[in-house]
Amino acid sequence: MTRNIVFSFAKAVFFLVKKLSRVLDLPPENLIKSISAVPISRNEEVADFQLCVNSLLENSNDHSRPDVQVQATRLAEKLKCDRVVSEISTGRGTINFKINRELLTKTVLQQVINDGSKYGLKSELFSGLPQKKIVVEFSSPNVAKKFHVGHLRSTIIGNFIANLKEALGHQVTRINYLGDWGMQFGLLGTGFQLFGYEEKLQSNPLQHLFEVYVQVNKEAADDKNIAKSAHEFFQRLELGDTQALALWQKFRDLSIEEYMRIYKRLGVHFDEYSGESFYREKSQEVLKLLDSKGLLQKTVDLAAAIDRMDKYNFDTMIYVTDKGQKKHFQQVFQMLQIMGYDWAERCQHVPFGVVQGMKTRRGNVTFLEDVLNEIRSRMLQNMASIKTTKELENPQQTAERVGLAALIIQDFKGLLLSDYQFSWDRVFQSRGDTGVFLQYTHARLHSLEETFGCGYLNDFNTACLQDPQSISILQHLLRFDEVLCRSSQDLQPRHIVSYLLTLSHLAAMAHKTLLIRNSPPEVAGARLHLFRAVRSVLANGMKLLGITPVCRM
């Protein structure tokens, strides 16, 4: 009975390590670092795993160091095939292992279908990990300043981190920490009294507040009386003046309403909206404590961190902001340590680079909502020009989801810390490594299931999936848990993006040659099973990245 021997990358590696440790008389920890997956080939079948002999020799006590190739041959001769490993060979300084193809086919496909959205997450790589309380602070726009694309990266990166942590079973609290206090509200309060219109505020609050803010800044530069009035208005706010606070509250409430509408379009939600205003009184206690220790430094971030520990008793708190704030957070964490809060070491800053080509200053700002509208509009045009586009029930929604996938994949392909140049043309390419290609692949695979139904999917014959293209897909599906593990360790989405793009390319090639129509029922059923597994894993990965898969486009 070989069923369920291998159902994940981790389990396969652990099996090999156990086998090698016993035969080669080497400790498992030396072996596990030397084993890796063989890169998938789109054109030919390759082995599944390789043992790097050079890496193994570096760990050994044998200082004579014989020729690596000779050593590889010697070691390989000691190893025998079994019910899991069907072939052992040597490469350049490596010993290669091929997993029993029938076993690989049956166990991987069964596991993908049985585990559904949990595939890869039930791996031994994650077993025994304690469930933690995790706070993720992200997005954090400034109230009364329109939500522009500068906040886009924080929003989608924070959402990805929260999604991944939740998928791994942690208890995640998503916090949006708003810039809702400070001298800008003195300017805004004065500006609204001079240039504001209630009707415009109600119909398009963020746009109108932004226009008022730009105008009052311009006027204040030339008129000292306006600057003085702004200072006085903010003093009234600080002292709790009822009228000033009522106007401030209106600006804040209308802004949050507008943000929530935009977040809904992005598929993002928050458990808590807090802000600088919430801690303006709490920070007084922190200031006294700092003062008593001779460490007076006014910052509401300290008060917010202390309050969150009291409220959530978190195991980890992650701040997602641009790399320009790296020093600020280093100082905040150091201050917490100096104040005697040992849990400061549980705080983490995830910095990211700047998007170039989407950002301008002052009155000439590209707003996030404008970008979303532009994405939807361009995507609708692209879809209308493609002959294969199907009649859609809700073309606007489909265009928005495909467009967002394009935006997210372009953003997540590289290191988060890297700056990158935004390109409309590159975003909307339907071929190559783009979000449009991922969505198109998912929709095409969904169409297969719709066209041929699920009658074939109760069982399948593994012998029908032994061609090189099917095996390459199965090898790749096996490795999903290892990719999830890498992303969970460094919080970089690029590992998952790269995996999904490779999976889509493999599926696109297989779709052309592994035909279902006019194939014998047994063959058609097995291939449908394979394509269904690909679509399931593709959807799982996309959802982790914050992308809603489309079924038609």
Protein backbone atom coordinates (compact mmCIF):
# COMPACT_ATOMS: atom_id res chain seq x y z
CA MET A 1 0.00 0.00 0.00
CA THR A 2 1.81 3.16 -1.17
CA ARG A 3 -1.05 5.60 -0.88
CA ASN A 4 -0.22 8.94 0.82
CA ILE A 5 3.51 8.18 1.19
CA VAL A 6 4.44 11.37 -0.63
CA PHE A 7 2.01 14.30 -0.71
CA SER A 8 4.25 17.32 -0.30
CA PHE A 9 7.70 18.63 -1.09
CA ALA A 10 8.59 18.46 2.60
CA LYS A 11 7.50 14.85 3.03
CA ALA A 12 9.48 13.77 -0.04
CA VAL A 13 12.62 15.53 1.26
CA PHE A 14 12.21 14.02 4.74
CA PHE A 15 11.84 10.57 3.17
CA LEU A 16 15.05 11.04 1.15
CA VAL A 17 16.95 12.39 4.14
CA LYS A 18 15.96 9.40 6.26
CA LYS A 19 17.00 7.00 3.48
CA LEU A 20 20.33 8.77 2.83
CA SER A 21 21.16 9.19 6.51
CA ARG A 22 20.79 5.46 7.09
CA VAL A 23 22.78 4.33 4.03
CA LEU A 24 25.52 6.99 4.04
CA ASP A 25 25.80 7.12 7.84
CA LEU A 26 25.50 10.92 7.92
CA PRO A 27 23.45 13.10 10.30
CA PRO A 28 20.10 14.27 8.82
CA GLU A 29 20.89 17.97 9.43
CA ASN A 30 23.91 17.73 7.09
CA LEU A 31 21.82 16.14 4.38
CA ILE A 32 18.74 18.33 4.47
CA LYS A 33 20.74 21.47 3.56
CA SER A 34 22.26 19.66 0.56
CA ILE A 35 18.97 18.52 -1.02
CA SER A 36 17.01 20.73 -3.41
CA ALA A 37 14.40 20.41 -6.13
CA VAL A 38 15.64 20.02 -9.71
CA PRO A 39 14.47 23.03 -11.80
CA ILE A 40 11.37 22.16 -13.82
CA SER A 41 11.85 21.80 -17.57
CA ARG A 42 9.05 22.74 -19.95
CA ASN A 43 10.41 20.53 -22.72
CA GLU A 44 11.75 17.36 -21.13
CA GLU A 45 11.28 15.23 -18.06
CA VAL A 46 13.83 15.76 -15.27
CA ALA A 47 14.51 14.15 -11.89
CA ASP A 48 12.64 15.51 -8.88
CA PHE A 49 15.40 16.09 -6.31
CA GLN A 50 19.16 16.44 -6.29
CA LEU A 51 21.78 16.01 -3.59
CA CYS A 52 24.64 18.48 -4.00
CA VAL A 53 27.75 16.40 -3.25
CA ASN A 54 30.02 19.44 -2.96
CA SER A 55 27.77 20.90 -0.24
CA LEU A 56 27.79 17.50 1.48
CA LEU A 57 31.59 17.29 1.44
CA GLU A 58 31.87 20.76 2.99
CA ASN A 59 29.93 19.41 5.97
CA SER A 60 31.99 16.22 6.29
CA ASN A 61 35.15 15.62 8.34
CA ASP A 62 36.93 14.06 5.35
CA HIS A 63 39.70 16.58 4.54
CA SER A 64 41.16 14.55 1.66
CA ARG A 65 38.28 15.83 -0.54
CA PRO A 66 38.30 13.36 -3.47
CA ASP A 67 37.04 14.47 -6.88
CA VAL A 68 33.39 15.51 -6.54
CA GLN A 69 32.23 13.51 -9.57
CA VAL A 70 34.01 10.37 -8.33
CA GLN A 71 32.48 10.87 -4.90
CA ALA A 72 29.00 11.31 -6.42
CA THR A 73 29.35 8.02 -8.28
CA ARG A 74 30.58 6.22 -5.16
CA LEU A 75 27.74 7.50 -3.03
CA ALA A 76 25.13 6.73 -5.71
CA GLU A 77 26.36 3.12 -5.88
CA LYS A 78 25.51 2.68 -2.20
CA LEU A 79 21.90 3.72 -2.77
CA LYS A 80 19.07 1.51 -3.99
CA CYS A 81 15.68 2.29 -5.50
CA ASP A 82 12.55 1.45 -3.53
CA ARG A 83 8.78 1.91 -3.70
CA VAL A 84 9.18 5.72 -3.56
CA VAL A 85 12.43 6.37 -5.46
CA SER A 86 12.27 4.75 -8.90
CA GLU A 87 15.58 5.99 -10.37
CA ILE A 88 18.93 7.22 -9.02
CA SER A 89 21.47 8.86 -11.33
CA THR A 90 24.40 11.28 -11.16
CA GLY A 91 24.73 14.71 -12.69
CA ARG A 92 27.48 17.34 -12.43
CA GLY A 93 28.42 16.95 -8.80
CA THR A 94 24.93 15.76 -7.91
CA ILE A 95 22.99 12.61 -7.16
CA ASN A 96 19.55 12.80 -8.75
CA PHE A 97 16.39 11.09 -7.50
CA LYS A 98 13.27 10.39 -9.49
CA ILE A 99 10.08 9.73 -7.53
CA ASN A 100 7.94 6.76 -8.62
CA ARG A 101 5.77 8.33 -11.31
CA GLU A 102 2.58 6.45 -10.51
CA LEU A 103 2.95 7.36 -6.84
CA LEU A 104 3.69 11.02 -7.69
CA THR A 105 0.62 11.23 -9.94
CA LYS A 106 -1.85 9.63 -7.58
CA THR A 107 -0.77 11.20 -4.30
CA VAL A 108 -0.27 14.77 -5.59
CA LEU A 109 -3.60 14.94 -7.43
CA GLN A 110 -5.49 13.33 -4.56
CA GLN A 111 -3.92 15.74 -2.11
CA VAL A 112 -4.69 18.84 -4.20
CA ILE A 113 -8.32 17.85 -4.63
CA ASN A 114 -8.81 16.66 -1.03
CA ASP A 115 -7.12 19.65 0.61
CA GLY A 116 -8.68 22.28 -1.67
CA SER A 117 -7.80 25.77 -0.42
CA LYS A 118 -5.55 24.24 2.27
CA TYR A 119 -3.24 22.47 -0.19
CA GLY A 120 0.39 23.15 0.70
CA LEU A 121 -0.58 24.64 4.06
CA LYS A 122 -0.94 21.23 5.74
CA SER A 123 2.69 20.41 4.95
CA GLU A 124 5.16 19.15 7.57
CA LEU A 125 7.02 22.41 6.95
CA PHE A 126 4.29 24.13 8.99
CA SER A 127 3.37 21.35 11.42
CA GLY A 128 4.09 22.11 15.04
CA LEU A 129 4.26 25.85 14.41
CA PRO A 130 2.48 27.64 17.27
CA GLN A 131 -0.53 29.74 16.33
CA LYS A 132 0.35 33.35 17.05
CA LYS A 133 -1.42 36.66 17.51
CA ILE A 134 -0.16 38.93 14.76
CA VAL A 135 -0.90 42.63 14.22
CA VAL A 136 -0.28 44.04 10.73
CA GLU A 137 -0.40 47.81 10.28
CA PHE A 138 -0.63 48.86 6.65
CA SER A 139 -2.01 51.40 4.15
CA SER A 140 -2.32 54.31 6.65
CA PRO A 141 -3.30 57.25 4.43
CA ASN A 142 -3.62 60.81 5.70
CA VAL A 143 -7.20 61.88 6.37
CA ALA A 144 -8.33 64.84 4.27
CA LYS A 145 -5.56 64.21 1.76
CA LYS A 146 -6.84 62.10 -1.09
CA PHE A 147 -5.81 58.44 -1.11
CA HIS A 148 -3.07 58.50 -3.75
CA VAL A 149 -0.93 55.75 -5.27
CA GLY A 150 1.80 56.31 -2.70
CA HIS A 151 -0.37 54.20 -0.38
CA LEU A 152 -0.97 51.48 -2.95
CA ARG A 153 2.17 49.44 -2.19
CA SER A 154 1.60 49.51 1.56
CA THR A 155 -2.00 48.39 1.01
CA ILE A 156 -1.34 45.43 -1.27
CA ILE A 157 1.84 44.29 0.54
CA GLY A 158 0.17 44.48 3.96
CA ASN A 159 -2.85 42.64 2.61
CA PHE A 160 -0.61 39.85 1.23
CA ILE A 161 1.23 39.45 4.56
CA ALA A 162 -2.06 39.35 6.49
CA ASN A 163 -3.53 36.81 4.00
CA LEU A 164 -0.48 34.54 4.26
CA LYS A 165 -0.35 34.67 8.07
CA GLU A 166 -4.09 33.91 8.28
CA ALA A 167 -3.76 31.01 5.84
CA LEU A 168 -1.05 29.55 8.09
CA GLY A 169 -3.52 29.57 10.99
CA HIS A 170 -2.41 32.66 12.89
CA GLN A 171 -4.85 35.11 14.46
CA VAL A 172 -4.34 38.30 12.46
CA THR A 173 -5.53 41.82 13.27
CA ARG A 174 -5.38 44.27 10.34
CA ILE A 175 -4.93 47.87 11.44
CA ASN A 176 -5.18 51.02 9.35
CA TYR A 177 -3.35 53.74 11.29
CA LEU A 178 -4.60 57.02 9.87
CA GLY A 179 -2.81 60.33 9.75
CA ASP A 180 -5.76 62.17 11.33
CA TRP A 181 -4.14 64.79 13.55
CA GLY A 182 -1.61 67.58 13.27
CA MET A 183 -1.10 71.08 11.94
CA GLN A 184 -2.56 70.18 8.53
CA PHE A 185 -5.97 70.15 10.20
CA GLY A 186 -5.42 73.72 11.30
CA LEU A 187 -4.83 74.63 7.68
CA LEU A 188 -7.75 72.52 6.51
CA GLY A 189 -10.19 73.92 9.10
CA THR A 190 -9.28 77.48 8.16
CA GLY A 191 -9.27 76.63 4.46
CA PHE A 192 -12.72 75.06 4.60
CA GLN A 193 -14.15 78.11 6.38
CA LEU A 194 -12.70 80.30 3.60
CA PHE A 195 -13.06 78.19 0.45
CA GLY A 196 -15.19 75.15 1.34
CA TYR A 197 -18.63 74.14 0.09
CA GLU A 198 -20.84 71.75 2.06
CA GLU A 199 -22.43 70.27 -1.11
CA LYS A 200 -19.02 69.46 -2.63
CA LEU A 201 -17.88 67.98 0.68
CA GLN A 202 -20.85 65.59 0.73
CA SER A 203 -20.69 64.61 -2.95
CA ASN A 204 -16.91 64.10 -3.31
CA PRO A 205 -15.27 64.59 0.11
CA LEU A 206 -11.68 63.57 -0.60
CA GLN A 207 -11.49 65.53 -3.84
CA HIS A 208 -12.95 68.66 -2.28
CA LEU A 209 -10.82 68.48 0.89
CA PHE A 210 -7.74 68.02 -1.22
CA GLU A 211 -8.59 71.07 -3.38
CA VAL A 212 -9.19 73.15 -0.24
CA TYR A 213 -5.91 71.95 1.28
CA VAL A 214 -3.91 72.86 -1.83
CA GLN A 215 -5.57 76.30 -2.05
CA VAL A 216 -5.08 77.19 1.63
CA ASN A 217 -1.41 76.15 1.48
CA LYS A 218 -0.92 78.45 -1.49
CA GLU A 219 -2.70 81.36 0.23
CA ALA A 220 -0.90 80.82 3.56
CA ALA A 221 2.47 81.15 1.83
CA ASP A 222 1.56 84.74 0.84
CA ASP A 223 -0.77 85.76 3.69
CA LYS A 224 0.54 85.57 7.27
CA ASN A 225 -2.98 86.08 8.65
CA ILE A 226 -4.13 82.79 7.10
CA ALA A 227 -1.14 80.97 8.59
CA LYS A 228 -1.98 82.55 11.97
CA SER A 229 -5.66 81.50 11.69
CA ALA A 230 -4.59 77.94 10.86
CA HIS A 231 -2.36 77.85 13.94
CA GLU A 232 -5.22 79.15 16.10
CA PHE A 233 -7.66 76.59 14.66
CA PHE A 234 -5.32 73.74 15.52
CA GLN A 235 -4.86 75.14 19.05
CA ARG A 236 -8.66 75.08 19.43
CA LEU A 237 -8.61 71.43 18.32
CA GLU A 238 -5.91 70.59 20.85
CA LEU A 239 -7.91 72.30 23.62
CA GLY A 240 -11.07 70.36 22.68
CA ASP A 241 -13.14 73.21 21.21
CA THR A 242 -16.54 71.70 20.32
CA GLN A 243 -17.03 73.44 16.95
CA ALA A 244 -13.49 72.78 15.74
CA LEU A 245 -13.71 69.12 16.80
CA ALA A 246 -17.10 68.70 15.09
CA LEU A 247 -15.64 69.93 11.78
CA TRP A 248 -12.56 67.72 12.21
CA GLN A 249 -14.79 64.71 12.98
CA LYS A 250 -16.82 65.35 9.83
CA PHE A 251 -13.66 65.43 7.71
CA ARG A 252 -12.43 62.18 9.33
CA ASP A 253 -15.74 60.28 9.00
CA LEU A 254 -16.29 61.25 5.37
CA SER A 255 -12.69 60.36 4.50
CA ILE A 256 -12.93 56.90 6.10
CA GLU A 257 -16.20 56.24 4.27
CA GLU A 258 -14.46 57.05 1.00
CA TYR A 259 -11.41 54.91 1.87
CA MET A 260 -13.63 51.94 2.69
CA ARG A 261 -15.28 52.21 -0.72
CA ILE A 262 -11.87 52.17 -2.42
CA TYR A 263 -10.59 49.31 -0.23
CA LYS A 264 -13.65 47.31 -1.24
CA ARG A 265 -12.63 47.73 -4.88
CA LEU A 266 -9.15 46.48 -3.95
CA GLY A 267 -10.60 43.51 -2.04
CA VAL A 268 -8.99 44.70 1.20
CA HIS A 269 -10.53 44.95 4.66
CA PHE A 270 -9.40 46.16 8.10
CA ASP A 271 -10.33 45.04 11.60
CA GLU A 272 -9.56 48.43 13.09
CA TYR A 273 -9.25 52.02 11.95
CA SER A 274 -7.16 53.90 14.51
CA GLY A 275 -5.08 57.02 14.15
CA GLU A 276 -2.84 59.65 15.65
CA SER A 277 -5.85 61.42 17.19
CA PHE A 278 -6.69 58.36 19.29
CA TYR A 279 -3.30 58.52 21.00
CA ARG A 280 -3.00 62.27 21.52
CA GLU A 281 -4.12 61.88 25.15
CA LYS A 282 -2.53 58.48 25.70
CA SER A 283 0.79 59.88 24.50
CA GLN A 284 0.83 62.26 27.48
CA GLU A 285 1.39 59.27 29.81
CA VAL A 286 4.22 58.05 27.58
CA LEU A 287 5.78 61.53 27.59
CA LYS A 288 5.79 61.57 31.41
CA LEU A 289 7.46 58.15 31.51
CA LEU A 290 10.06 59.22 28.95
CA ASP A 291 10.64 62.44 30.84
CA SER A 292 11.22 60.56 34.11
CA LYS A 293 13.86 58.46 32.33
CA GLY A 294 15.41 61.48 30.62
CA LEU A 295 14.29 60.20 27.23
CA LEU A 296 11.70 62.75 26.19
CA GLN A 297 10.82 62.30 22.53
CA LYS A 298 7.30 63.09 21.42
CA THR A 299 5.90 60.28 19.30
CA VAL A 300 2.48 58.74 19.14
CA ASP A 301 3.95 55.56 17.64
CA LEU A 302 5.24 54.62 21.09
CA ALA A 303 1.82 55.15 22.64
CA ALA A 304 0.18 53.16 19.83
CA ALA A 305 2.59 50.22 20.23
CA ILE A 306 2.09 50.07 24.03
CA ASP A 307 -1.69 50.31 23.66
CA ARG A 308 -1.75 47.51 21.08
CA MET A 309 0.27 45.21 23.32
CA ASP A 310 -2.23 45.90 26.14
CA LYS A 311 -5.17 45.32 23.79
CA TYR A 312 -4.00 42.38 21.64
CA ASN A 313 -1.08 40.84 23.57
CA PHE A 314 0.53 40.22 20.18
CA ASP A 315 3.34 37.80 19.40
CA THR A 316 4.40 39.83 16.38
CA MET A 317 3.55 43.33 15.13
CA ILE A 318 4.44 44.17 11.53
CA TYR A 319 4.59 47.72 10.17
CA VAL A 320 4.38 47.96 6.35
CA THR A 321 5.73 51.34 5.18
CA ASP A 322 8.17 52.72 2.61
CA LYS A 323 11.91 52.36 3.17
CA GLY A 324 12.21 56.08 3.95
CA GLN A 325 10.76 55.32 7.40
CA LYS A 326 13.28 52.61 8.24
CA LYS A 327 15.28 54.79 10.62
CA HIS A 328 12.12 56.07 12.32
CA PHE A 329 10.99 52.54 13.19
CA GLN A 330 14.47 51.53 14.34
CA GLN A 331 14.32 54.44 16.78
CA VAL A 332 10.78 53.55 17.93
CA PHE A 333 11.81 49.94 18.63
CA GLN A 334 14.97 51.10 20.44
CA MET A 335 12.97 53.53 22.57
CA LEU A 336 10.55 50.77 23.56
CA GLN A 337 13.50 48.61 24.62
CA ILE A 338 15.03 51.45 26.65
CA MET A 339 11.66 52.04 28.31
CA GLY A 340 11.78 48.46 29.53
CA TYR A 341 9.40 46.80 27.07
CA ASP A 342 11.10 43.51 26.18
CA TRP A 343 8.38 42.76 23.64
CA ALA A 344 9.89 45.46 21.38
CA GLU A 345 11.87 42.65 19.72
CA ARG A 346 8.54 41.26 18.48
CA CYS A 347 8.04 44.42 16.37
CA GLN A 348 9.11 44.26 12.75
CA HIS A 349 9.30 46.81 9.93
CA VAL A 350 8.71 45.55 6.37
CA PRO A 351 10.06 48.33 4.11
CA PHE A 352 9.36 48.71 0.41
CA GLY A 353 10.68 50.78 -2.48
CA VAL A 354 9.07 53.59 -4.43
CA VAL A 355 6.88 53.26 -7.52
CA GLN A 356 8.17 55.68 -10.14
CA GLY A 357 6.01 57.04 -12.91
CA MET A 358 2.74 57.07 -10.94
CA LYS A 359 3.44 59.80 -8.43
CA THR A 360 3.47 63.61 -8.65
CA ARG A 361 3.20 66.41 -6.07
CA ARG A 362 0.79 69.02 -4.72
CA GLY A 363 -2.19 69.85 -6.96
CA ASN A 364 -1.06 67.56 -9.74
CA VAL A 365 -1.47 64.21 -7.96
CA THR A 366 -2.38 60.88 -9.57
CA PHE A 367 -4.97 59.49 -7.17
CA LEU A 368 -5.41 55.80 -6.51
CA GLU A 369 -9.05 55.86 -7.55
CA ASP A 370 -8.06 57.46 -10.86
CA VAL A 371 -5.54 54.64 -11.34
CA LEU A 372 -8.22 52.01 -10.58
CA ASN A 373 -10.60 53.66 -13.05
CA GLU A 374 -7.85 53.84 -15.68
CA ILE A 375 -7.01 50.16 -15.16
CA ARG A 376 -10.64 49.15 -15.54
CA SER A 377 -11.12 51.30 -18.63
CA ARG A 378 -7.98 50.06 -20.40
CA MET A 379 -8.74 46.45 -19.51
CA LEU A 380 -12.26 46.77 -20.95
CA GLN A 381 -10.75 48.09 -24.20
CA ASN A 382 -8.22 45.23 -24.31
CA MET A 383 -10.92 42.62 -23.69
CA ALA A 384 -13.16 44.11 -26.36
CA SER A 385 -10.35 43.87 -28.95
CA ILE A 386 -9.61 40.17 -28.29
CA LYS A 387 -11.60 37.73 -30.42
CA THR A 388 -11.67 35.03 -27.73
CA THR A 389 -13.35 37.30 -25.18
CA LYS A 390 -16.66 35.80 -24.07
CA GLU A 391 -19.96 37.48 -23.30
CA LEU A 392 -19.66 38.52 -19.67
CA GLU A 393 -22.40 39.12 -17.12
CA ASN A 394 -20.41 41.90 -15.46
CA PRO A 395 -17.62 43.11 -17.79
CA GLN A 396 -16.77 46.09 -15.53
CA GLN A 397 -16.11 43.82 -12.53
CA THR A 398 -14.11 41.34 -14.62
CA ALA A 399 -12.02 44.14 -16.12
CA GLU A 400 -11.32 45.53 -12.64
CA ARG A 401 -10.26 42.13 -11.27
CA VAL A 402 -8.00 41.39 -14.23
CA GLY A 403 -6.55 44.90 -14.08
CA LEU A 404 -5.81 44.59 -10.36
CA ALA A 405 -4.12 41.24 -10.97
CA ALA A 406 -1.94 42.99 -13.56
CA LEU A 407 -1.05 45.75 -11.10
CA ILE A 408 -0.31 43.37 -8.21
CA ILE A 409 1.84 40.95 -10.25
CA GLN A 410 3.92 43.80 -11.69
CA ASP A 411 4.44 45.09 -8.16
CA PHE A 412 5.22 41.71 -6.57
CA LYS A 413 7.60 40.24 -9.18
CA GLY A 414 10.74 41.72 -7.64
CA LEU A 415 12.12 42.37 -4.17
CA LEU A 416 9.77 44.59 -2.19
CA LEU A 417 12.67 46.84 -1.25
CA SER A 418 13.38 47.66 -4.91
CA ASP A 419 12.04 50.80 -6.57
CA TYR A 420 10.43 50.14 -9.93
CA GLN A 421 9.21 52.07 -12.95
CA PHE A 422 5.49 51.71 -13.55
CA SER A 423 4.56 50.92 -17.14
CA TRP A 424 0.97 50.86 -18.43
CA ASP A 425 2.05 48.92 -21.53
CA ARG A 426 3.85 46.24 -19.54
CA VAL A 427 0.98 45.89 -17.06
CA PHE A 428 -1.54 44.92 -19.73
CA GLN A 429 0.44 42.42 -21.78
CA SER A 430 -1.64 39.26 -22.07
CA ARG A 431 1.39 37.09 -22.73
CA GLY A 432 4.54 36.71 -20.70
CA ASP A 433 4.89 37.06 -16.96
CA THR A 434 1.86 39.23 -16.18
CA GLY A 435 -1.24 39.17 -14.03
CA VAL A 436 -3.37 39.20 -17.18
CA PHE A 437 -1.74 35.91 -18.22
CA LEU A 438 -2.50 34.36 -14.80
CA GLN A 439 -6.16 35.39 -15.00
CA TYR A 440 -6.44 34.20 -18.60
CA THR A 441 -4.98 30.79 -17.66
CA HIS A 442 -7.38 30.43 -14.72
CA ALA A 443 -10.39 31.39 -16.87
CA ARG A 444 -9.37 28.98 -19.64
CA LEU A 445 -8.98 26.07 -17.21
CA HIS A 446 -12.35 26.90 -15.64
CA SER A 447 -13.88 26.84 -19.12
CA LEU A 448 -12.57 23.28 -19.60
CA GLU A 449 -14.46 22.13 -16.51
CA GLU A 450 -17.61 23.94 -17.67
CA THR A 451 -17.40 22.48 -21.17
CA PHE A 452 -16.69 18.88 -20.25
CA GLY A 453 -18.36 18.75 -16.83
CA CYS A 454 -17.08 16.99 -13.76
CA GLY A 455 -18.38 13.51 -14.55
CA TYR A 456 -14.86 12.27 -15.23
CA LEU A 457 -13.46 13.47 -11.93
CA ASN A 458 -14.51 10.74 -9.50
CA ASP A 459 -11.43 8.64 -10.27
CA PHE A 460 -8.64 8.55 -12.82
CA ASN A 461 -6.03 6.23 -14.27
CA THR A 462 -2.48 7.31 -13.36
CA ALA A 463 -1.13 5.58 -16.46
CA CYS A 464 -2.83 8.27 -18.60
CA LEU A 465 -0.68 11.04 -17.06
CA GLN A 466 2.85 9.72 -17.64
CA ASP A 467 3.78 12.00 -20.55
CA PRO A 468 6.56 14.59 -19.88
CA GLN A 469 4.17 17.57 -19.79
CA SER A 470 1.87 16.00 -17.20
CA ILE A 471 4.86 14.95 -15.09
CA SER A 472 6.34 18.49 -15.19
CA ILE A 473 3.04 19.88 -13.90
CA LEU A 474 2.85 17.25 -11.15
CA GLN A 475 6.45 17.96 -10.11
CA HIS A 476 5.62 21.65 -9.89
CA LEU A 477 2.40 21.07 -7.91
CA LEU A 478 4.40 18.97 -5.43
CA ARG A 479 6.59 22.01 -4.62
CA PHE A 480 3.87 24.45 -3.58
CA ASP A 481 4.45 23.98 0.17
CA GLU A 482 8.15 24.78 -0.17
CA VAL A 483 7.33 28.03 -1.98
CA LEU A 484 4.77 29.00 0.68
CA CYS A 485 7.40 28.30 3.33
CA ARG A 486 9.93 30.62 1.64
CA SER A 487 7.39 33.45 1.43
CA SER A 488 6.36 32.93 5.05
CA GLN A 489 9.99 33.24 6.16
CA ASP A 490 11.00 36.43 4.34
CA LEU A 491 7.49 37.89 3.69
CA GLN A 492 8.35 38.34 0.00
CA PRO A 493 5.48 37.55 -2.44
CA ARG A 494 7.87 37.10 -5.39
CA HIS A 495 8.37 33.38 -4.61
CA ILE A 496 4.64 32.72 -5.00
CA VAL A 497 4.43 34.97 -8.09
CA SER A 498 7.28 33.11 -9.80
CA TYR A 499 5.70 29.75 -8.92
CA LEU A 500 2.27 30.72 -10.31
CA LEU A 501 3.73 32.12 -13.53
CA THR A 502 5.68 28.88 -14.14
CA LEU A 503 2.55 26.84 -13.38
CA SER A 504 0.58 28.93 -15.89
CA HIS A 505 3.21 28.49 -18.61
CA LEU A 506 3.25 24.72 -18.02
CA ALA A 507 -0.56 24.64 -18.15
CA ALA A 508 -0.65 26.73 -21.35
CA MET A 509 1.70 24.27 -23.10
CA ALA A 510 -0.23 21.25 -21.82
CA HIS A 511 -3.54 22.77 -22.91
CA LYS A 512 -2.34 22.73 -26.52
CA THR A 513 -1.24 19.08 -26.56
CA LEU A 514 -3.14 17.22 -23.83
CA LEU A 515 -6.47 17.41 -25.60
CA ILE A 516 -9.72 16.39 -23.92
CA ARG A 517 -12.15 16.57 -26.84
CA ASN A 518 -12.20 13.34 -28.85
CA SER A 519 -9.82 11.60 -26.41
CA PRO A 520 -10.83 8.22 -24.89
CA PRO A 521 -12.94 8.76 -21.75
CA GLU A 522 -10.19 7.39 -19.47
CA VAL A 523 -7.58 9.76 -20.93
CA ALA A 524 -9.96 12.73 -20.98
CA GLY A 525 -10.91 12.11 -17.33
CA ALA A 526 -7.30 11.93 -16.16
CA ARG A 527 -6.39 15.13 -18.01
CA LEU A 528 -9.42 16.94 -16.61
CA HIS A 529 -8.29 15.88 -13.15
CA LEU A 530 -4.83 17.33 -13.82
CA PHE A 531 -6.16 20.64 -15.17
CA ARG A 532 -8.60 20.94 -12.29
CA ALA A 533 -5.69 20.54 -9.84
CA VAL A 534 -3.72 23.25 -11.66
CA ARG A 535 -6.66 25.65 -11.54
CA SER A 536 -7.19 24.97 -7.83
CA VAL A 537 -3.55 25.70 -6.88
CA LEU A 538 -3.47 28.71 -9.21
CA ALA A 539 -6.57 30.12 -7.48
CA ASN A 540 -5.11 29.44 -4.01
CA GLY A 541 -1.90 31.28 -4.81
CA MET A 542 -3.67 34.22 -6.46
CA LYS A 543 -5.96 34.68 -3.45
CA LEU A 544 -2.95 34.79 -1.10
CA LEU A 545 -1.52 37.60 -3.24
CA GLY A 546 -4.81 39.52 -2.96
CA ILE A 547 -6.07 38.66 -6.45
CA THR A 548 -9.64 37.50 -7.08
CA PRO A 549 -9.50 34.82 -9.84
CA VAL A 550 -11.95 35.32 -12.71
CA CYS A 551 -13.78 32.41 -14.33
CA ARG A 552 -14.43 34.16 -17.65
CA MET A 553 -12.71 36.91 -19.59
